[in-house]
Amino acid sequence: MLYGKFLRSPHAHARILSIDTKTAESYAGVVAAITGQAFPYRMGLYVRDKMVLAKDKVRWAGEPVAAVAAESEEAAEEAVELTKVEYEPLKPVFDVNEALKPNAPIVHEELSQYEHSPVFTPVPRTNIANIFKVRKGNAEDGFRGATTIIGNEFSMPP
C-alpha cells in the first residue's frame, strides 16, 4: 500500500514559476512525486475547469500543486514538504461583484476553450462561466398584483 499527500498552494491566485520535486523524489520510501506538468487533466461536472494538480497557475488557496506517493504516511508528509514551489502572486478575486468588473483579474484566461456542457455559455476574457436567464411571465404584472414585495441581494455558491 502507498500513502499519498498533496502540497497545496498558500496563494489564492498565483502563477507557478517552478516546482522542484527532486529532493522529495529522493527521500527514503518515496515511490513518486508528480506535478500538474506530468498530469495535465481537467475535470468538472458542467465545465471542465478544475485541474487535478495545478499547472502553470493556482486559482484558490489550498489548490494542490504537487503530490507524493510513499511507503509510509510519515515519508509522504516529509517528502511533500521538501517540494519547492516558486510563485508569482497575482491579484486574487474574492467577491463576485469584483470579479464582474471590467478591470478584474481574469481567473481562467482559457475559460471559453474549456470543454463544457452545451447548456453553459462561458463569456471569453471575463470571469463569467455561464449566463443563465430565467424568463417566465410578466414581472410588471407580478409586482402590480403582489401584496408584499421584498427586495434584497442573494448569492449562492456556483
Protein backbone atom coordinates (compact mmCIF):
# COMPACT_ATOMS: atom_id res chain seq x y z
CA MET A 1 0.00 0.00 0.00
CA LEU A 2 1.14 3.55 -0.73
CA TYR A 3 0.26 6.78 1.05
CA GLY A 4 -0.38 9.98 -0.86
CA LYS A 5 -0.05 13.59 0.21
CA PHE A 6 -0.68 16.84 -1.66
CA LEU A 7 1.36 20.02 -1.47
CA ARG A 8 -1.17 22.86 -1.53
CA SER A 9 -0.80 26.45 -2.62
CA PRO A 10 -0.70 29.13 0.08
CA HIS A 11 -1.90 31.66 -2.54
CA ALA A 12 -5.43 32.34 -3.74
CA HIS A 13 -4.18 33.38 -7.19
CA ALA A 14 -0.61 32.98 -8.45
CA ARG A 15 1.44 31.94 -11.43
CA ILE A 16 3.59 28.85 -10.83
CA LEU A 17 7.12 29.75 -11.94
CA SER A 18 8.79 26.47 -10.97
CA ILE A 19 8.27 23.28 -8.99
CA ASP A 20 11.24 21.22 -7.82
CA THR A 21 10.41 17.68 -6.68
CA LYS A 22 13.96 16.25 -6.86
CA THR A 23 14.58 16.26 -3.09
CA ALA A 24 11.15 14.78 -2.44
CA GLU A 25 11.72 12.05 -5.04
CA SER A 26 14.98 11.01 -3.38
CA TYR A 27 13.50 10.87 0.13
CA ALA A 28 13.55 7.37 1.68
CA GLY A 29 10.33 5.47 0.99
CA VAL A 30 9.09 7.81 -1.77
CA VAL A 31 7.85 6.00 -4.86
CA ALA A 32 6.80 9.04 -6.93
CA ALA A 33 6.37 12.80 -6.85
CA ILE A 34 4.31 14.44 -9.60
CA THR A 35 3.15 17.90 -10.66
CA GLY A 36 0.48 19.24 -12.98
CA GLN A 37 3.03 19.22 -15.80
CA ALA A 38 3.01 15.41 -15.66
CA PHE A 39 -0.72 15.15 -15.04
CA PRO A 40 -2.45 17.87 -17.13
CA TYR A 41 -6.06 16.70 -16.90
CA ARG A 42 -9.12 18.85 -16.28
CA MET A 43 -12.32 17.73 -14.60
CA GLY A 44 -15.69 19.20 -13.75
CA LEU A 45 -19.35 18.34 -13.96
CA TYR A 46 -20.58 21.10 -16.30
CA VAL A 47 -17.34 22.90 -17.14
CA ARG A 48 -14.01 21.08 -17.11
CA ASP A 49 -12.20 23.88 -15.28
CA LYS A 50 -10.54 22.08 -12.36
CA MET A 51 -7.08 20.58 -12.59
CA VAL A 52 -6.21 17.52 -10.52
CA LEU A 53 -2.88 19.28 -9.86
CA ALA A 54 -2.45 22.95 -10.76
CA LYS A 55 -0.48 23.54 -13.93
CA ASP A 56 1.05 26.97 -14.61
CA LYS A 57 -1.34 28.79 -12.24
CA VAL A 58 -3.21 28.36 -8.95
CA ARG A 59 -6.71 29.74 -8.66
CA TRP A 60 -7.57 29.13 -5.00
CA ALA A 61 -5.72 28.89 -1.71
CA GLY A 62 -5.21 25.23 -0.95
CA GLU A 63 -5.21 24.10 -4.60
CA PRO A 64 -2.94 21.03 -4.95
CA VAL A 65 0.25 21.74 -6.90
CA ALA A 66 2.18 18.50 -6.33
CA ALA A 67 1.57 15.00 -5.00
CA VAL A 68 3.83 12.47 -3.35
CA ALA A 69 3.28 8.72 -3.04
CA ALA A 70 5.34 6.92 -0.40
CA GLU A 71 5.52 3.66 1.51
CA SER A 72 4.52 5.34 4.78
CA GLU A 73 2.33 8.29 5.71
CA GLU A 74 5.26 9.88 7.51
CA ALA A 75 7.52 9.62 4.45
CA ALA A 76 4.79 11.14 2.26
CA GLU A 77 4.31 14.02 4.72
CA GLU A 78 8.05 14.70 4.98
CA ALA A 79 8.64 14.44 1.23
CA VAL A 80 5.78 16.71 0.24
CA GLU A 81 7.29 19.40 2.48
CA LEU A 82 10.59 19.03 0.60
CA THR A 83 8.91 20.03 -2.67
CA LYS A 84 9.86 23.60 -3.55
CA VAL A 85 7.49 25.87 -5.47
CA GLU A 86 8.23 29.36 -6.71
CA TYR A 87 5.13 31.53 -7.20
CA GLU A 88 4.39 34.92 -8.69
CA PRO A 89 1.42 36.11 -6.63
CA LEU A 90 -1.40 37.63 -8.67
CA LYS A 91 -4.25 39.83 -7.50
CA PRO A 92 -6.93 37.49 -6.14
CA VAL A 93 -10.67 37.84 -6.69
CA PHE A 94 -12.75 37.15 -3.57
CA ASP A 95 -16.09 38.69 -4.44
CA VAL A 96 -18.46 38.00 -7.34
CA ASN A 97 -19.19 41.72 -7.83
CA GLU A 98 -15.46 42.47 -8.03
CA ALA A 99 -14.99 39.56 -10.45
CA LEU A 100 -17.59 41.06 -12.81
CA LYS A 101 -15.87 44.44 -13.10
CA PRO A 102 -14.21 45.13 -16.48
CA ASN A 103 -10.73 45.52 -14.94
CA ALA A 104 -10.98 42.45 -12.68
CA PRO A 105 -8.14 39.92 -12.76
CA ILE A 106 -9.17 37.02 -15.00
CA VAL A 107 -9.04 33.78 -13.05
CA HIS A 108 -9.45 31.41 -16.03
CA GLU A 109 -7.92 33.01 -19.12
CA GLU A 110 -8.80 29.94 -21.24
CA LEU A 111 -12.38 29.68 -19.95
CA SER A 112 -14.01 29.77 -23.39
CA GLN A 113 -11.74 26.93 -24.56
CA TYR A 114 -12.65 24.53 -21.75
CA GLU A 115 -14.81 21.56 -22.56
CA HIS A 116 -18.29 22.31 -21.20
CA SER A 117 -21.91 21.24 -21.27
CA PRO A 118 -23.87 22.65 -24.24
CA VAL A 119 -26.19 24.48 -21.82
CA PHE A 120 -23.27 26.56 -20.50
CA THR A 121 -22.27 29.81 -22.15
CA PRO A 122 -18.82 30.99 -21.00
CA VAL A 123 -18.00 34.61 -21.86
CA PRO A 124 -14.44 34.91 -23.24
CA ARG A 125 -11.97 37.23 -21.45
CA THR A 126 -14.23 37.56 -18.38
CA ASN A 127 -14.83 35.66 -15.15
CA ILE A 128 -18.32 34.68 -16.34
CA ALA A 129 -18.55 30.90 -16.69
CA ASN A 130 -22.23 30.94 -17.62
CA ILE A 131 -25.11 33.28 -18.28
CA PHE A 132 -28.41 31.87 -17.13
CA LYS A 133 -31.59 33.79 -17.85
CA VAL A 134 -34.99 32.95 -16.40
CA ARG A 135 -37.94 34.33 -18.31
CA LYS A 136 -41.39 33.38 -17.14
CA GLY A 137 -44.47 35.57 -17.06
CA ASN A 138 -44.59 39.35 -16.86
CA ALA A 139 -42.64 40.86 -13.95
CA GLU A 140 -44.54 44.16 -14.02
CA ASP A 141 -47.88 42.35 -13.72
CA GLY A 142 -46.45 40.32 -10.87
CA PHE A 143 -45.34 43.46 -8.98
CA ARG A 144 -48.70 45.16 -9.51
CA GLY A 145 -50.60 42.13 -8.19
CA ALA A 146 -48.33 41.45 -5.22
CA THR A 147 -49.44 42.29 -1.69
CA THR A 148 -45.82 42.29 -0.47
CA ILE A 149 -42.59 42.94 -2.35
CA ILE A 150 -39.26 42.07 -0.76
CA GLY A 151 -36.08 43.37 -2.36
CA ASN A 152 -32.66 42.04 -1.46
CA GLU A 153 -29.47 40.71 -2.95
CA PHE A 154 -28.94 36.96 -2.88
CA SER A 155 -25.96 34.83 -3.80
CA MET A 156 -25.07 31.17 -3.59
CA PRO A 157 -22.01 29.09 -4.38
CA PRO A 158 -21.95 28.01 -8.03
